[in-house]
Amino acid sequence: MMNFGKILFFNENEGKGIIITSQKEKIDFIVNEWNDFDIMPSLGLEVVFNLKDKKALNILSKESSKLQKNEPSIVHVQQEIKPEEIIKETLKEIVSISELTQELASEIETEIETEIDTEVETEVEEELEYDDDEELEYDDESRPESITISINIATAISNYFTKIKEHLEHRSVYKKVPGSLDYVLIKRFLFTTFNNLSDIDLHIITPKIKMLYEDLKVMSSFYDDFIEKTKYPNIAYQEVFLSCQAEYVKIKVGAEHTIEKLNQLRTSEEQLDGILKVRKEDLASNIQSDEFTALQYELKSLSGAYVDMVHLMAELDERYKYDLKLLSTFEEEYKAEFSEIFRTEALFYKKDLLKVLNAQAYLLDSQLWQEAKKSKAVKAHFKDSSVSGELNTKTYLKYYLDSLDSDKATDETKKLFALYDYLISVQKDYILIVVNSALDAMEYESYIKNLKLTLDIKSFVDEKSAIKWAINNSVKVLIVEDRLQNVTVEKFLHVYKKHVSITPKIVLLGEKPKANSFSISCLLSRNASSKVVAENIKTLLTSKNN
């Protein structure tokens, strides 16, 4: 059996709340029983649920439950409404809240006998009247002089940051990731790249990449919420501290209920005022009529209802202002202390959150392009689009930015130019040296550094280590000796081409191999001096055909 109610209280930090039913029964619930994936629990939300052992189970918002049952929507056909019908309808509401004697009510009912629908009148009565519980709640003598704190500041803040700590501990494995990308800078373009590459070839989205992508989205959403709270202290104060205070929440909900009723009464008061003017005119024009006495009674009853309504509005207004003062005093009492403690804690956790996010961004980016480099569809797409260079985010971003005018760039586009500058600084191009002698490698490296090129230099004497390193880095120039420590240069270049996606310019020291699929850009003697090697590298990189 489904039960209906509204959320009276919900503590986001603890995941606990209270539902109040239409019979005014308060039912406890926990967030694990919330089965609505479109709407999250919030104060005043109408819900349906199963009841077992005085606890709510299988909770859904009322709107979602309707959709699940495929309930047809109700179409309201607007009809022409005449002024007299408005008066009659308003009179129904006034009669329902007035405290007329049974005799007077009977007289009015006789006067408009066929004009009042009993069912509608009953609904209006139930809607406008205050039950005993509400009267007790608004009893001025029982109103608190101040709001009692339910959960202290330290506990509320600790509860919030405990969630962050759990997220970080759960992802401690990211500390072992060998690289890092600035998540704040790359976030939007990384997600765009993921979507674009998956559109070109869905097969590159392996289960591992899908997991990395989904986990980054989870942490991204969590981080955005964290930043909003630290950037806007009032939001943090409301959601982290005030929402945990049971008495504060109860009074706030009551105040909202009061102002809602007050607004309804104000509308009815305006309508009743108009009716009274009409009835006074009717009475003045029917002094000699047989209907005068009935009209006089009706006017008297309506005047009484009007006085009662004005009195009730005055009471509600006074109670509303009293509640607002209570709420305001409580809010101001703890705000400064909360803000100071929360800001200090937030600074500590922000660093750790960014470390994880930066590692996640790096890992997703590297794994995504590693798979993209294997995809024939992606390679063909880049070739057709005249995108040259290694397949990575930097190349992809440069291709996009080349079509834009940096002088006319929007703020969002300027962020992409800033991202490109950042990628240049972290995704560097290299000159790779692989030779037989460590001493020769150091000497070549020293001379080439004096050229002050934009490329960095990395040298190896171990062939396997050189290829493993080249897989994850952008090698623009490869300096290789024809006699290596463990394999021939033919074998080395064959394995290099098989595992490294980007083809470098090759400077070969020694004899050219007879069979090799690589083209040699520069052939030098094995005994060429380091100075000669460096000069040829400079020429190779600065030539117009480069």
Protein backbone atom coordinates (compact mmCIF):
# COMPACT_ATOMS: atom_id res chain seq x y z
CA MET A 1 0.00 0.00 0.00
CA MET A 2 1.38 3.39 -1.01
CA ASN A 3 1.41 6.22 1.53
CA PHE A 4 1.56 9.94 0.82
CA GLY A 5 3.30 12.78 2.62
CA LYS A 6 5.77 15.68 2.52
CA ILE A 7 9.41 15.90 3.60
CA LEU A 8 9.40 17.83 6.86
CA PHE A 9 13.11 17.58 7.61
CA PHE A 10 16.21 16.27 5.79
CA ASN A 11 19.83 16.23 6.98
CA GLU A 12 22.03 15.91 3.89
CA ASN A 13 25.17 15.17 5.91
CA GLU A 14 23.64 12.29 7.85
CA GLY A 15 21.30 11.13 5.09
CA LYS A 16 18.33 11.07 7.45
CA GLY A 17 14.97 12.80 7.36
CA ILE A 18 11.34 12.93 8.44
CA ILE A 19 8.19 12.64 6.32
CA ILE A 20 4.90 14.05 7.63
CA THR A 21 1.82 12.26 6.31
CA SER A 22 -1.58 13.74 5.50
CA GLN A 23 -2.70 12.34 8.90
CA LYS A 24 0.05 14.44 10.58
CA GLU A 25 2.06 11.31 11.43
CA LYS A 26 5.84 11.76 11.36
CA ILE A 27 7.76 8.93 9.64
CA ASP A 28 11.56 8.52 9.74
CA PHE A 29 13.50 7.69 6.58
CA ILE A 30 17.09 7.25 5.40
CA VAL A 31 18.54 8.23 2.03
CA ASN A 32 19.25 4.57 1.15
CA GLU A 33 15.50 4.13 0.70
CA TRP A 34 15.31 7.02 -1.79
CA ASN A 35 14.63 5.46 -5.21
CA ASP A 36 14.10 8.60 -7.29
CA PHE A 37 17.06 9.32 -9.59
CA ASP A 38 15.65 12.55 -11.05
CA ILE A 39 14.84 14.49 -7.87
CA MET A 40 16.76 14.54 -4.58
CA PRO A 41 15.11 14.87 -1.14
CA SER A 42 14.26 18.47 -0.21
CA LEU A 43 12.06 20.24 2.32
CA GLY A 44 8.38 20.34 1.35
CA LEU A 45 8.71 17.80 -1.48
CA GLU A 46 5.61 15.60 -1.86
CA VAL A 47 6.46 11.89 -1.79
CA VAL A 48 4.93 8.42 -1.92
CA PHE A 49 6.34 5.47 0.02
CA ASN A 50 5.76 2.08 1.60
CA LEU A 51 5.44 1.94 5.38
CA LYS A 52 6.95 -0.83 7.50
CA ASP A 53 7.72 -0.75 11.24
CA LYS A 54 7.01 3.01 11.25
CA LYS A 55 9.77 3.60 8.65
CA ALA A 56 9.45 4.79 5.07
CA LEU A 57 10.69 2.43 2.35
CA ASN A 58 10.96 2.66 -1.47
CA ILE A 59 10.48 6.45 -1.46
CA LEU A 60 9.70 8.36 -4.67
CA SER A 61 8.73 11.95 -5.38
CA LYS A 62 5.03 12.23 -6.16
CA GLU A 63 5.74 13.45 -9.70
CA SER A 64 8.07 10.53 -10.48
CA SER A 65 5.54 8.02 -9.12
CA LYS A 66 2.97 9.41 -11.54
CA LEU A 67 5.35 9.00 -14.45
CA GLN A 68 6.16 5.43 -13.44
CA LYS A 69 2.44 4.59 -13.45
CA ASN A 70 2.04 6.31 -16.83
CA GLU A 71 -0.71 8.45 -15.36
CA PRO A 72 -2.38 10.68 -17.95
CA SER A 73 -1.85 14.37 -17.53
CA ILE A 74 -4.86 16.53 -16.67
CA VAL A 75 -5.70 19.07 -19.32
CA HIS A 76 -7.43 22.18 -18.02
CA VAL A 77 -9.85 23.77 -20.50
CA GLN A 78 -10.16 27.45 -19.78
CA GLN A 79 -13.77 28.65 -20.07
CA GLU A 80 -15.12 32.17 -20.13
CA ILE A 81 -15.82 33.24 -16.56
CA LYS A 82 -18.40 35.93 -15.88
CA PRO A 83 -17.95 38.48 -13.05
CA GLU A 84 -20.95 37.13 -11.10
CA GLU A 85 -19.44 33.64 -11.18
CA ILE A 86 -16.24 35.01 -9.65
CA ILE A 87 -18.29 36.53 -6.82
CA LYS A 88 -20.16 33.29 -6.21
CA GLU A 89 -16.92 31.27 -6.17
CA THR A 90 -15.31 33.72 -3.76
CA LEU A 91 -18.37 33.53 -1.53
CA LYS A 92 -17.84 29.78 -1.20
CA GLU A 93 -14.36 30.35 0.24
CA ILE A 94 -15.59 33.05 2.62
CA VAL A 95 -18.42 30.89 3.92
CA SER A 96 -15.99 28.06 4.59
CA ILE A 97 -13.77 30.09 6.91
CA SER A 98 -16.39 32.28 8.60
CA GLU A 99 -17.74 31.35 12.02
CA LEU A 100 -21.38 32.05 11.19
CA THR A 101 -24.12 30.56 13.28
CA GLN A 102 -25.95 27.61 11.78
CA GLU A 103 -29.02 29.83 11.35
CA LEU A 104 -27.22 32.49 9.33
CA ALA A 105 -25.37 29.87 7.29
CA SER A 106 -28.73 28.27 6.50
CA GLU A 107 -30.16 31.61 5.36
CA ILE A 108 -27.21 32.25 3.03
CA GLU A 109 -27.41 28.70 1.72
CA THR A 110 -31.10 29.31 0.91
CA GLU A 111 -30.22 32.59 -0.78
CA ILE A 112 -27.67 30.93 -3.13
CA GLU A 113 -29.13 27.39 -2.84
CA THR A 114 -28.02 26.00 -6.20
CA GLU A 115 -24.88 28.08 -6.49
CA ILE A 116 -22.67 26.31 -3.96
CA ASP A 117 -21.26 22.86 -4.64
CA THR A 118 -21.06 21.09 -1.25
CA GLU A 119 -17.99 19.06 -2.25
CA VAL A 120 -16.09 22.14 -3.34
CA GLU A 121 -17.08 23.95 -0.14
CA THR A 122 -15.79 21.05 1.97
CA GLU A 123 -12.46 21.01 0.12
CA VAL A 124 -12.03 24.75 0.64
CA GLU A 125 -12.83 24.39 4.36
CA GLU A 126 -10.20 21.71 4.77
CA GLU A 127 -7.70 23.76 2.82
CA LEU A 128 -8.13 26.99 4.79
CA GLU A 129 -8.90 25.91 8.35
CA TYR A 130 -6.13 25.30 10.88
CA ASP A 131 -6.21 21.97 12.70
CA ASP A 132 -5.50 21.55 16.40
CA ASP A 133 -1.82 20.72 15.88
CA GLU A 134 -1.24 23.90 13.91
CA GLU A 135 -3.05 25.99 16.52
CA LEU A 136 -0.83 24.55 19.22
CA GLU A 137 2.22 25.23 17.06
CA TYR A 138 1.25 28.87 16.68
CA ASP A 139 0.24 29.38 20.26
CA ASP A 140 2.11 32.54 21.23
CA GLU A 141 2.58 31.34 24.82
CA SER A 142 4.41 28.21 23.60
CA ARG A 143 6.62 30.01 21.07
CA PRO A 144 10.33 29.59 21.92
CA GLU A 145 12.32 32.65 22.88
CA SER A 146 15.34 31.30 21.00
CA ILE A 147 16.31 28.36 18.76
CA THR A 148 18.23 25.51 20.34
CA ILE A 149 21.27 24.27 18.41
CA SER A 150 20.97 20.57 17.44
CA ILE A 151 24.45 19.86 16.05
CA ASN A 152 27.40 22.06 16.96
CA ILE A 153 29.59 23.75 14.35
CA ALA A 154 32.54 21.41 14.71
CA THR A 155 30.38 18.31 14.25
CA ALA A 156 28.50 19.71 11.25
CA ILE A 157 31.72 20.69 9.48
CA SER A 158 33.35 17.38 10.40
CA ASN A 159 30.39 15.47 8.94
CA TYR A 160 30.73 17.33 5.64
CA PHE A 161 34.49 16.91 5.32
CA THR A 162 34.29 13.27 6.37
CA LYS A 163 32.62 12.65 3.01
CA ILE A 164 35.51 14.34 1.22
CA LYS A 165 38.02 12.34 3.23
CA GLU A 166 36.25 9.11 2.27
CA HIS A 167 36.34 10.07 -1.42
CA LEU A 168 40.06 10.82 -1.20
CA GLU A 169 40.91 7.63 0.67
CA HIS A 170 38.90 5.59 -1.81
CA ARG A 171 41.03 7.09 -4.60
CA SER A 172 44.44 6.96 -2.92
CA VAL A 173 45.64 4.77 -5.81
CA TYR A 174 45.82 7.89 -7.98
CA LYS A 175 48.82 9.00 -5.95
CA LYS A 176 50.85 6.40 -7.87
CA VAL A 177 50.05 7.96 -11.27
CA PRO A 178 53.35 9.16 -12.80
CA GLY A 179 51.96 12.36 -14.34
CA SER A 180 49.59 15.24 -13.75
CA LEU A 181 47.42 17.59 -15.80
CA ASP A 182 45.84 20.76 -14.49
CA TYR A 183 42.22 19.61 -14.07
CA VAL A 184 40.83 23.16 -13.80
CA LEU A 185 42.36 24.15 -17.13
CA ILE A 186 41.77 20.96 -19.11
CA LYS A 187 38.42 19.81 -17.71
CA ARG A 188 36.05 21.08 -20.42
CA PHE A 189 38.32 20.30 -23.37
CA LEU A 190 39.10 16.84 -22.01
CA PHE A 191 35.41 15.93 -21.80
CA THR A 192 34.87 17.39 -25.29
CA THR A 193 37.78 15.33 -26.64
CA PHE A 194 36.36 12.19 -25.04
CA ASN A 195 32.98 12.75 -26.71
CA ASN A 196 34.48 13.61 -30.11
CA LEU A 197 36.83 10.62 -30.20
CA SER A 198 34.10 8.23 -29.09
CA ASP A 199 31.92 9.58 -31.93
CA ILE A 200 34.70 8.78 -34.42
CA ASP A 201 35.38 5.29 -33.06
CA LEU A 202 33.38 3.95 -30.13
CA HIS A 203 35.74 0.98 -29.81
CA ILE A 204 38.50 3.13 -28.32
CA ILE A 205 36.35 3.57 -25.18
CA THR A 206 37.56 0.47 -23.38
CA PRO A 207 36.09 -0.59 -20.01
CA LYS A 208 39.14 0.93 -18.31
CA ILE A 209 38.71 4.28 -20.08
CA LYS A 210 34.97 4.25 -19.38
CA MET A 211 35.69 3.68 -15.68
CA LEU A 212 38.26 6.50 -15.61
CA TYR A 213 35.81 8.82 -17.37
CA GLU A 214 32.90 8.03 -15.02
CA ASP A 215 35.09 8.35 -11.93
CA LEU A 216 36.42 11.71 -13.10
CA LYS A 217 32.83 12.90 -13.62
CA VAL A 218 31.93 11.84 -10.08
CA MET A 219 34.88 13.68 -8.58
CA SER A 220 34.32 16.63 -10.90
CA SER A 221 30.74 17.01 -9.68
CA PHE A 222 31.85 16.62 -6.07
CA TYR A 223 34.61 19.21 -6.55
CA ASP A 224 32.22 21.70 -8.19
CA ASP A 225 29.90 21.43 -5.20
CA PHE A 226 32.86 21.89 -2.86
CA ILE A 227 34.05 24.99 -4.74
CA GLU A 228 30.55 26.49 -4.70
CA LYS A 229 30.43 26.15 -0.94
CA THR A 230 33.89 27.64 -0.44
CA LYS A 231 33.26 30.44 -2.95
CA TYR A 232 29.87 31.34 -1.52
CA PRO A 233 30.00 31.05 2.31
CA ASN A 234 26.24 31.59 2.66
CA ILE A 235 25.57 28.42 0.68
CA ALA A 236 27.98 26.44 2.84
CA TYR A 237 26.43 27.87 6.00
CA GLN A 238 22.92 26.95 4.87
CA GLU A 239 23.65 23.47 3.52
CA VAL A 240 26.35 22.30 5.94
CA PHE A 241 25.19 23.84 9.22
CA LEU A 242 21.65 25.27 9.18
CA SER A 243 20.10 22.29 7.40
CA CYS A 244 21.24 20.08 10.32
CA GLN A 245 19.43 22.12 12.96
CA ALA A 246 16.11 20.36 13.64
CA GLU A 247 14.39 23.19 15.53
CA TYR A 248 15.62 25.80 13.05
CA VAL A 249 14.33 23.76 10.11
CA LYS A 250 10.98 23.16 11.82
CA ILE A 251 10.45 26.87 12.47
CA LYS A 252 11.58 27.79 8.97
CA VAL A 253 9.13 25.32 7.41
CA GLY A 254 6.41 26.68 9.70
CA ALA A 255 7.21 30.25 8.67
CA GLU A 256 6.99 29.31 5.00
CA HIS A 257 3.65 27.63 5.66
CA THR A 258 2.43 30.74 7.51
CA ILE A 259 3.33 33.17 4.73
CA GLU A 260 1.68 30.85 2.20
CA LYS A 261 -1.57 30.88 4.18
CA LEU A 262 -1.25 34.62 4.74
CA ASN A 263 -0.95 35.26 1.02
CA GLN A 264 -4.03 33.13 0.37
CA LEU A 265 -6.01 35.11 2.94
CA ARG A 266 -4.86 38.42 1.50
CA THR A 267 -6.23 37.41 -1.88
CA SER A 268 -9.52 36.32 -0.32
CA GLU A 269 -9.69 39.54 1.70
CA GLU A 270 -9.48 41.63 -1.46
CA GLN A 271 -12.20 39.57 -3.09
CA LEU A 272 -14.44 39.77 -0.01
CA ASP A 273 -14.00 43.53 0.15
CA GLY A 274 -15.34 43.73 -3.40
CA ILE A 275 -18.30 41.51 -2.51
CA LEU A 276 -19.17 43.71 0.48
CA LYS A 277 -19.29 46.79 -1.74
CA VAL A 278 -21.65 45.00 -4.13
CA ARG A 279 -23.91 43.82 -1.27
CA LYS A 280 -24.05 47.32 0.25
CA GLU A 281 -25.18 48.70 -3.09
CA ASP A 282 -27.79 45.92 -3.38
CA LEU A 283 -29.04 46.70 0.12
CA ALA A 284 -29.30 50.44 -0.56
CA SER A 285 -31.28 49.86 -3.73
CA ASN A 286 -33.71 47.35 -2.11
CA ILE A 287 -34.76 49.18 1.06
CA GLN A 288 -38.45 48.93 0.18
CA SER A 289 -38.09 45.42 -1.17
CA ASP A 290 -39.22 42.15 0.45
CA GLU A 291 -35.65 40.94 0.06
CA PHE A 292 -34.29 43.69 2.31
CA THR A 293 -34.22 41.58 5.50
CA ALA A 294 -32.44 38.65 3.78
CA LEU A 295 -29.93 41.01 2.21
CA GLN A 296 -29.35 42.66 5.58
CA TYR A 297 -28.59 39.31 7.22
CA GLU A 298 -26.26 38.39 4.39
CA LEU A 299 -24.37 41.68 4.65
CA LYS A 300 -24.02 41.23 8.40
CA SER A 301 -22.63 37.71 8.03
CA LEU A 302 -20.21 38.79 5.33
CA SER A 303 -19.03 41.70 7.45
CA GLY A 304 -18.44 39.31 10.34
CA ALA A 305 -16.45 37.00 8.07
CA TYR A 306 -14.42 39.96 6.87
CA VAL A 307 -13.59 41.07 10.44
CA ASP A 308 -12.62 37.48 11.37
CA MET A 309 -10.37 37.27 8.33
CA VAL A 310 -8.62 40.57 9.07
CA HIS A 311 -8.08 39.45 12.66
CA LEU A 312 -6.63 36.10 11.54
CA MET A 313 -4.35 37.83 9.05
CA ALA A 314 -3.06 40.13 11.79
CA GLU A 315 -2.29 37.13 14.02
CA LEU A 316 -0.51 35.25 11.24
CA ASP A 317 1.50 38.33 10.28
CA GLU A 318 2.61 38.79 13.89
CA ARG A 319 3.61 35.12 14.16
CA TYR A 320 5.46 35.25 10.86
CA LYS A 321 7.48 38.29 11.91
CA TYR A 322 8.25 36.62 15.26
CA ASP A 323 9.53 33.48 13.48
CA LEU A 324 11.63 35.53 11.07
CA LYS A 325 13.28 37.28 14.02
CA LEU A 326 14.02 33.91 15.67
CA LEU A 327 15.54 32.56 12.46
CA SER A 328 17.57 35.70 11.79
CA THR A 329 18.97 35.80 15.34
CA PHE A 330 20.01 32.15 15.16
CA GLU A 331 21.64 32.61 11.73
CA GLU A 332 23.70 35.58 12.85
CA GLU A 333 24.78 33.95 16.12
CA TYR A 334 26.89 31.20 14.53
CA LYS A 335 27.69 32.55 11.06
CA ALA A 336 31.09 34.16 11.70
CA GLU A 337 32.45 31.23 13.70
CA PHE A 338 31.25 28.71 11.11
CA SER A 339 32.78 30.66 8.19
CA GLU A 340 36.20 30.85 9.82
CA ILE A 341 36.41 27.14 10.68
CA PHE A 342 34.95 26.02 7.34
CA ARG A 343 37.36 28.19 5.33
CA THR A 344 40.39 26.76 7.15
CA GLU A 345 39.28 23.16 6.62
CA ALA A 346 38.41 23.82 2.97
CA LEU A 347 41.90 25.10 2.13
CA PHE A 348 43.40 21.89 3.47
CA TYR A 349 41.13 19.57 1.50
CA LYS A 350 41.22 21.58 -1.73
CA LYS A 351 44.88 20.68 -2.31
CA ASP A 352 44.22 16.96 -1.92
CA LEU A 353 41.12 17.12 -4.13
CA LEU A 354 43.10 18.79 -6.91
CA LYS A 355 45.91 16.24 -6.62
CA VAL A 356 43.44 13.44 -7.28
CA LEU A 357 41.67 15.34 -10.07
CA ASN A 358 44.96 16.26 -11.76
CA ALA A 359 46.05 12.62 -11.68
CA GLN A 360 42.66 11.47 -12.98
CA ALA A 361 42.80 13.99 -15.84
CA TYR A 362 46.32 12.88 -16.78
CA LEU A 363 45.43 9.19 -16.69
CA LEU A 364 42.24 9.58 -18.72
CA ASP A 365 43.99 11.78 -21.28
CA SER A 366 46.94 9.41 -21.74
CA GLN A 367 44.80 6.25 -21.90
CA LEU A 368 42.36 7.87 -24.32
CA TRP A 369 45.04 8.87 -26.81
CA GLN A 370 46.89 5.60 -26.38
CA GLU A 371 43.79 3.83 -27.70
CA ALA A 372 43.14 6.52 -30.30
CA LYS A 373 46.60 5.95 -31.80
CA LYS A 374 45.59 2.34 -32.51
CA SER A 375 42.34 3.30 -34.24
CA LYS A 376 42.31 3.33 -38.03
CA ALA A 377 39.16 5.46 -37.96
CA VAL A 378 40.77 8.12 -35.78
CA LYS A 379 43.95 8.18 -37.88
CA ALA A 380 41.90 8.51 -41.05
CA HIS A 381 39.81 11.31 -39.55
CA PHE A 382 42.90 13.29 -38.53
CA LYS A 383 44.49 12.72 -41.92
CA ASP A 384 41.36 13.87 -43.75
CA SER A 385 41.26 16.94 -41.49
CA SER A 386 44.92 17.73 -42.30
CA VAL A 387 45.92 17.36 -38.66
CA SER A 388 49.66 16.63 -38.50
CA GLY A 389 51.81 15.65 -35.57
CA GLU A 390 51.46 13.20 -32.74
CA LEU A 391 47.93 12.21 -31.78
CA ASN A 392 47.43 13.93 -28.43
CA THR A 393 45.41 16.69 -26.79
CA LYS A 394 47.97 19.34 -27.64
CA THR A 395 47.89 18.54 -31.37
CA TYR A 396 44.10 18.29 -31.36
CA LEU A 397 43.74 21.63 -29.56
CA LYS A 398 46.22 23.34 -31.89
CA TYR A 399 44.22 22.16 -34.89
CA TYR A 400 41.13 23.82 -33.42
CA LEU A 401 42.89 27.04 -32.38
CA ASP A 402 44.53 27.49 -35.79
CA SER A 403 41.09 28.23 -37.18
CA LEU A 404 40.48 31.04 -34.68
CA ASP A 405 41.62 34.64 -34.43
CA SER A 406 43.20 35.09 -31.01
CA ASP A 407 42.63 38.87 -31.17
CA LYS A 408 38.84 38.34 -31.46
CA ALA A 409 38.61 35.47 -29.04
CA THR A 410 35.83 35.24 -26.45
CA ASP A 411 36.62 34.63 -22.79
CA GLU A 412 36.02 30.90 -23.26
CA THR A 413 38.31 30.78 -26.29
CA LYS A 414 41.00 32.69 -24.41
CA LYS A 415 40.91 29.91 -21.83
CA LEU A 416 41.68 27.43 -24.62
CA PHE A 417 44.70 29.49 -25.72
CA ALA A 418 45.85 29.47 -22.08
CA LEU A 419 45.34 25.70 -22.03
CA TYR A 420 47.48 25.31 -25.14
CA ASP A 421 50.31 27.32 -23.57
CA TYR A 422 50.04 25.08 -20.52
CA LEU A 423 50.13 21.89 -22.60
CA ILE A 424 53.25 23.11 -24.37
CA SER A 425 54.91 23.49 -20.99
CA VAL A 426 53.97 19.99 -19.77
CA GLN A 427 53.81 17.97 -22.99
CA LYS A 428 57.24 18.80 -24.37
CA ASP A 429 58.83 17.66 -27.61
CA TYR A 430 62.14 15.81 -27.31
CA ILE A 431 65.36 14.93 -29.06
CA LEU A 432 66.05 11.29 -28.20
CA ILE A 433 69.65 10.03 -28.24
CA VAL A 434 70.27 6.25 -28.33
CA VAL A 435 73.94 5.31 -28.64
CA ASN A 436 76.41 2.62 -27.53
CA SER A 437 78.45 4.72 -25.12
CA ALA A 438 77.15 6.65 -22.14
CA LEU A 439 80.06 9.07 -22.49
CA ASP A 440 79.14 9.81 -26.12
CA ALA A 441 75.50 10.31 -25.12
CA MET A 442 76.47 12.89 -22.49
CA GLU A 443 78.73 14.73 -24.94
CA TYR A 444 76.05 14.88 -27.68
CA GLU A 445 73.54 16.08 -25.13
CA SER A 446 75.84 18.83 -23.86
CA TYR A 447 76.50 20.29 -27.33
CA ILE A 448 72.86 20.16 -28.38
CA LYS A 449 71.78 21.97 -25.19
CA ASN A 450 74.06 24.86 -26.15
CA LEU A 451 71.88 25.40 -29.23
CA LYS A 452 69.11 26.56 -26.87
CA LEU A 453 66.38 24.84 -28.86
CA THR A 454 62.78 24.63 -27.72
CA LEU A 455 63.08 20.83 -27.56
CA ASP A 456 64.26 18.97 -24.48
CA ILE A 457 66.84 16.17 -24.69
CA LYS A 458 66.75 12.61 -23.36
CA SER A 459 69.51 10.02 -23.86
CA PHE A 460 69.78 6.23 -23.37
CA VAL A 461 72.24 3.43 -23.92
CA ASP A 462 69.66 0.73 -23.15
CA GLU A 463 67.44 0.16 -26.22
CA LYS A 464 64.45 -1.28 -24.36
CA SER A 465 64.31 1.64 -21.90
CA ALA A 466 64.55 4.09 -24.80
CA ILE A 467 61.52 2.60 -26.60
CA LYS A 468 59.44 2.36 -23.41
CA TRP A 469 60.14 6.01 -22.70
CA ALA A 470 59.38 7.07 -26.30
CA ILE A 471 55.93 5.45 -26.15
CA ASN A 472 54.75 8.04 -23.61
CA ASN A 473 56.63 11.08 -24.92
CA SER A 474 56.76 13.17 -28.07
CA VAL A 475 60.03 12.50 -29.91
CA LYS A 476 60.65 14.87 -32.79
CA VAL A 477 64.25 13.90 -33.55
CA LEU A 478 65.90 10.51 -32.96
CA ILE A 479 69.71 10.34 -32.92
CA VAL A 480 70.69 6.69 -33.17
CA GLU A 481 73.99 4.86 -33.69
CA ASP A 482 74.24 1.97 -36.15
CA ARG A 483 75.83 -0.26 -33.52
CA LEU A 484 73.86 -0.47 -30.29
CA GLN A 485 74.61 -2.52 -27.18
CA ASN A 486 72.20 -5.43 -27.67
CA VAL A 487 70.48 -5.19 -31.07
CA THR A 488 71.15 -3.96 -34.60
CA VAL A 489 69.83 -0.58 -35.63
CA GLU A 490 67.50 -2.34 -38.11
CA LYS A 491 65.92 -4.31 -35.28
CA PHE A 492 65.72 -1.25 -33.04
CA LEU A 493 63.97 0.89 -35.67
CA HIS A 494 61.60 -1.96 -36.54
CA VAL A 495 60.48 -2.29 -32.90
CA TYR A 496 60.40 1.49 -32.49
CA LYS A 497 58.03 1.90 -35.42
CA LYS A 498 55.81 -0.91 -34.17
CA HIS A 499 55.28 0.54 -30.68
CA VAL A 500 55.75 4.32 -31.05
CA SER A 501 52.96 6.08 -32.95
CA ILE A 502 54.76 9.24 -34.06
CA THR A 503 57.49 9.07 -36.68
CA PRO A 504 60.55 11.18 -35.81
CA LYS A 505 63.23 12.67 -37.98
CA ILE A 506 66.18 10.29 -37.81
CA VAL A 507 69.85 11.24 -37.57
CA LEU A 508 71.87 8.05 -38.09
CA LEU A 509 75.49 7.83 -36.98
CA GLY A 510 77.19 5.17 -39.11
CA GLU A 511 76.20 3.05 -42.08
CA LYS A 512 72.69 3.14 -43.43
CA PRO A 513 70.86 -0.19 -42.97
CA LYS A 514 69.99 -2.05 -46.15
CA ALA A 515 66.42 -2.83 -45.18
CA ASN A 516 64.48 -0.26 -43.21
CA SER A 517 61.02 1.27 -43.53
CA PHE A 518 62.16 4.50 -41.85
CA SER A 519 63.54 7.28 -44.00
CA ILE A 520 66.83 8.67 -42.74
CA SER A 521 66.75 12.47 -42.49
CA CYS A 522 70.46 12.91 -41.88
CA LEU A 523 73.32 10.39 -42.28
CA LEU A 524 76.60 11.15 -40.46
CA SER A 525 79.73 9.11 -39.92
CA ARG A 526 80.05 7.12 -36.74
CA ASN A 527 83.02 9.24 -35.70
CA ALA A 528 81.33 12.59 -36.33
CA SER A 529 82.14 15.09 -33.59
CA SER A 530 79.50 16.27 -31.16
CA LYS A 531 79.77 19.75 -32.66
CA VAL A 532 79.01 18.43 -36.16
CA VAL A 533 76.06 16.42 -34.83
CA ALA A 534 74.69 19.50 -33.04
CA GLU A 535 75.03 21.70 -36.15
CA ASN A 536 73.19 19.16 -38.30
CA ILE A 537 70.39 18.95 -35.72
CA LYS A 538 70.01 22.73 -35.84
CA THR A 539 69.90 22.71 -39.65
CA LEU A 540 67.37 19.89 -39.64
CA LEU A 541 65.04 21.73 -37.27
CA THR A 542 65.31 25.17 -38.86
CA SER A 543 65.07 24.18 -42.52
CA LYS A 544 62.01 25.40 -44.45
CA ASN A 545 60.96 21.84 -45.22
CA ASN A 546 60.77 20.95 -41.55
